[in-house]
Amino acid sequence: MAVGCAGAALVAAGCGLTNTSSKVETVTVTRTVVHTVTTTASAPAPPAAASACTAAQLSGTFAVEPGSAGAGNIIYKLQVTNTSQSACTVTGVPTVDFLDAAGKTMPSKTSVSTGTITTVPLHPGAAATSEVRFSPDVTPCDSGTATTLRVTLPDSSTLEAKLDPPTRLCGAGSLQPAPFTSAA
């Protein structure tokens, strides 16, 4: 019977009646990765040191303002556009002369129109305007027809813009150009 008890003890040991244990641990690691992308959009600012525009950087038009004729005066709008690849500025009142079809300077009397003088930055493709009031059709009308406006820039370079439409410049053409403003 001693063998039977010993056998029973061995069977009991094999059946898990002993004090052994095994544990399986699962460890979960969570990692958070954050990607931050920052974008900023703004209009390009003109360089602080943008230089004055030269005639080589500009194109010009000079067209009548519809409905502006009256009392012997008419207003044309001079528009200069930056056609270069770099920013430049225009400022002050443009110096203008009328030219006839042969390119000859026509007589005129210039007085400056009042207005606030500002420096107008011109990015590539941007434009500035100046309204020019003058008396084209008062007698005596012996000066001929103006076909072109010559604009002299601060560096003494000149830009020419065709008059749209050409007009008679009578009474020595009293001109009143206004300061440049940003074209709207």
Protein backbone atom coordinates (compact mmCIF):
# COMPACT_ATOMS: atom_id res chain seq x y z
CA MET A 1 0.00 0.00 0.00
CA ALA A 2 2.97 2.23 0.44
CA VAL A 3 3.65 1.90 -3.23
CA GLY A 4 0.08 2.85 -4.00
CA CYS A 5 0.31 5.99 -1.88
CA ALA A 6 3.58 6.92 -3.45
CA GLY A 7 2.06 6.30 -6.84
CA ALA A 8 -0.89 8.37 -5.93
CA ALA A 9 1.47 11.12 -4.80
CA LEU A 10 3.31 11.03 -8.11
CA VAL A 11 0.07 11.11 -10.05
CA ALA A 12 -1.10 14.03 -7.94
CA ALA A 13 2.15 15.85 -8.62
CA GLY A 14 1.79 15.28 -12.34
CA CYS A 15 -1.79 16.50 -12.29
CA GLY A 16 -0.87 19.97 -11.29
CA LEU A 17 -1.34 19.79 -7.59
CA THR A 18 2.09 21.37 -7.16
CA ASN A 19 2.68 25.07 -6.64
CA THR A 20 4.32 26.03 -10.01
CA SER A 21 2.90 28.90 -12.08
CA SER A 22 3.62 30.59 -15.43
CA LYS A 23 2.43 34.05 -16.45
CA VAL A 24 2.36 35.62 -19.91
CA GLU A 25 2.44 39.39 -19.82
CA THR A 26 1.41 41.49 -22.82
CA VAL A 27 2.88 45.01 -22.91
CA THR A 28 1.31 47.49 -25.33
CA VAL A 29 3.44 50.50 -26.28
CA THR A 30 1.64 53.42 -27.91
CA ARG A 31 3.76 55.97 -29.72
CA THR A 32 2.22 59.22 -31.02
CA VAL A 33 4.02 60.99 -33.85
CA VAL A 34 2.92 64.54 -34.69
CA HIS A 35 3.91 66.24 -37.95
CA THR A 36 3.30 69.98 -38.05
CA VAL A 37 3.27 71.76 -41.41
CA THR A 38 3.08 75.53 -41.37
CA THR A 39 2.43 77.55 -44.50
CA THR A 40 2.19 81.28 -44.79
CA ALA A 41 0.64 83.09 -47.73
CA SER A 42 0.88 86.81 -48.17
CA ALA A 43 1.16 89.37 -50.92
CA PRO A 44 4.75 90.04 -51.84
CA ALA A 45 6.03 93.24 -50.30
CA PRO A 46 8.10 95.51 -52.47
CA PRO A 47 11.75 95.52 -51.60
CA ALA A 48 12.48 98.28 -49.12
CA ALA A 49 15.17 99.58 -51.44
CA ALA A 50 13.20 99.39 -54.72
CA SER A 51 14.69 101.94 -57.05
CA ALA A 52 12.89 104.45 -59.21
CA CYS A 53 11.48 103.02 -62.43
CA THR A 54 13.28 103.77 -65.68
CA ALA A 55 11.62 104.07 -69.08
CA ALA A 56 13.06 100.67 -70.02
CA GLN A 57 10.95 99.10 -67.22
CA LEU A 58 7.65 100.75 -68.18
CA SER A 59 5.04 100.88 -70.90
CA GLY A 60 2.50 103.69 -71.06
CA THR A 61 -0.97 104.59 -72.28
CA PHE A 62 -2.63 107.99 -72.44
CA ALA A 63 -6.39 107.81 -72.97
CA VAL A 64 -9.27 110.24 -72.59
CA GLU A 65 -11.46 109.82 -69.53
CA PRO A 66 -14.99 109.30 -70.90
CA GLY A 67 -17.32 112.17 -70.01
CA SER A 68 -14.50 114.44 -68.80
CA ALA A 69 -14.71 117.06 -71.57
CA GLY A 70 -16.34 120.35 -70.67
CA ALA A 71 -15.71 124.07 -70.24
CA GLY A 72 -12.71 123.91 -72.57
CA ASN A 73 -10.94 121.19 -70.53
CA ILE A 74 -10.54 117.45 -70.90
CA ILE A 75 -8.90 114.82 -68.71
CA TYR A 76 -6.69 112.07 -70.04
CA LYS A 77 -5.34 109.30 -67.83
CA LEU A 78 -1.65 108.49 -68.07
CA GLN A 79 -1.06 104.88 -67.01
CA VAL A 80 2.42 103.41 -66.63
CA THR A 81 2.82 99.64 -66.20
CA ASN A 82 5.92 97.84 -64.91
CA THR A 83 6.88 95.44 -67.73
CA SER A 84 10.17 94.37 -66.12
CA GLN A 85 10.91 91.39 -63.89
CA SER A 86 11.78 93.49 -60.83
CA ALA A 87 9.93 95.94 -58.60
CA CYS A 88 10.47 99.67 -58.98
CA THR A 89 8.70 102.86 -57.89
CA VAL A 90 7.17 106.00 -59.37
CA THR A 91 6.55 109.13 -57.35
CA GLY A 92 5.51 112.73 -57.69
CA VAL A 93 4.02 114.53 -60.66
CA PRO A 94 5.09 113.27 -64.09
CA THR A 95 6.93 115.65 -66.40
CA VAL A 96 5.01 115.55 -69.68
CA ASP A 97 5.25 117.04 -73.16
CA PHE A 98 2.97 116.68 -76.15
CA LEU A 99 4.46 115.62 -79.48
CA ASP A 100 3.00 116.03 -82.94
CA ALA A 101 2.96 113.30 -85.61
CA ALA A 102 6.53 114.22 -86.62
CA GLY A 103 7.76 113.78 -83.01
CA LYS A 104 8.25 117.52 -82.51
CA THR A 105 7.58 118.95 -79.02
CA MET A 106 4.47 121.12 -79.03
CA PRO A 107 4.26 124.33 -76.99
CA SER A 108 2.51 123.97 -73.64
CA LYS A 109 2.14 125.70 -70.29
CA THR A 110 2.38 123.31 -67.33
CA SER A 111 1.08 123.91 -63.84
CA VAL A 112 1.02 121.22 -61.19
CA SER A 113 -2.33 119.93 -60.00
CA THR A 114 -2.74 119.64 -56.25
CA GLY A 115 -2.69 116.23 -54.61
CA THR A 116 -0.84 114.09 -52.13
CA ILE A 117 2.53 112.93 -53.38
CA THR A 118 3.29 109.31 -52.53
CA THR A 119 5.79 106.74 -53.69
CA VAL A 120 3.93 104.07 -55.63
CA PRO A 121 5.59 100.63 -55.60
CA LEU A 122 5.19 98.75 -58.88
CA HIS A 123 5.67 94.99 -58.81
CA PRO A 124 6.05 93.37 -62.23
CA GLY A 125 2.73 93.88 -64.04
CA ALA A 126 1.45 96.57 -61.63
CA ALA A 127 0.43 100.05 -62.81
CA ALA A 128 0.22 103.64 -61.59
CA THR A 129 -1.85 106.48 -63.03
CA SER A 130 -1.80 110.25 -63.25
CA GLU A 131 -4.73 112.31 -64.47
CA VAL A 132 -3.70 115.12 -66.81
CA ARG A 133 -6.18 117.97 -67.29
CA PHE A 134 -5.57 120.22 -70.24
CA SER A 135 -7.26 122.70 -72.55
CA PRO A 136 -7.10 121.29 -76.05
CA ASP A 137 -9.89 123.11 -77.81
CA VAL A 138 -9.83 126.78 -76.89
CA THR A 139 -8.84 129.35 -79.48
CA PRO A 140 -6.42 130.22 -80.91
CA CYS A 141 -6.01 126.74 -82.31
CA ASP A 142 -2.79 127.06 -84.22
CA SER A 143 -0.66 124.46 -82.49
CA GLY A 144 -1.71 121.38 -84.47
CA THR A 145 -2.66 117.88 -83.36
CA ALA A 146 -0.95 116.08 -80.49
CA THR A 147 -0.47 112.35 -81.16
CA THR A 148 1.97 111.31 -78.44
CA LEU A 149 2.68 112.12 -74.81
CA ARG A 150 6.34 112.04 -73.75
CA VAL A 151 6.94 111.33 -70.04
CA THR A 152 10.35 112.23 -68.62
CA LEU A 153 11.32 110.13 -65.60
CA PRO A 154 13.61 111.20 -62.73
CA ASP A 155 16.62 109.48 -64.35
CA SER A 156 15.97 111.61 -67.50
CA SER A 157 14.88 108.56 -69.52
CA THR A 158 11.72 109.11 -71.55
CA LEU A 159 8.66 107.02 -72.19
CA GLU A 160 6.19 107.73 -74.98
CA ALA A 161 2.48 106.94 -74.97
CA LYS A 162 0.15 107.44 -77.94
CA LEU A 163 -2.82 109.75 -77.34
CA ASP A 164 -6.10 107.88 -77.56
CA PRO A 165 -7.56 109.68 -79.45
CA PRO A 166 -5.12 112.23 -80.92
CA THR A 167 -6.35 115.74 -80.14
CA ARG A 168 -5.93 119.34 -81.20
CA LEU A 169 -3.71 121.21 -78.76
CA CYS A 170 -4.88 124.80 -78.83
CA GLY A 171 -3.92 127.87 -76.85
CA ALA A 172 -0.44 126.47 -76.14
CA GLY A 173 -1.97 123.55 -74.23
CA SER A 174 -2.44 124.42 -70.59
CA LEU A 175 -1.48 121.21 -68.74
CA GLN A 176 -2.17 120.16 -65.15
CA PRO A 177 -0.76 116.70 -64.38
CA ALA A 178 -1.68 115.16 -61.01
CA PRO A 179 0.64 113.07 -58.80
CA PHE A 180 0.96 109.35 -59.53
CA THR A 181 -1.38 107.05 -57.63
CA SER A 182 -1.71 103.29 -57.59
CA ALA A 183 -3.95 102.04 -60.42
CA ALA A 184 -7.12 100.43 -59.14
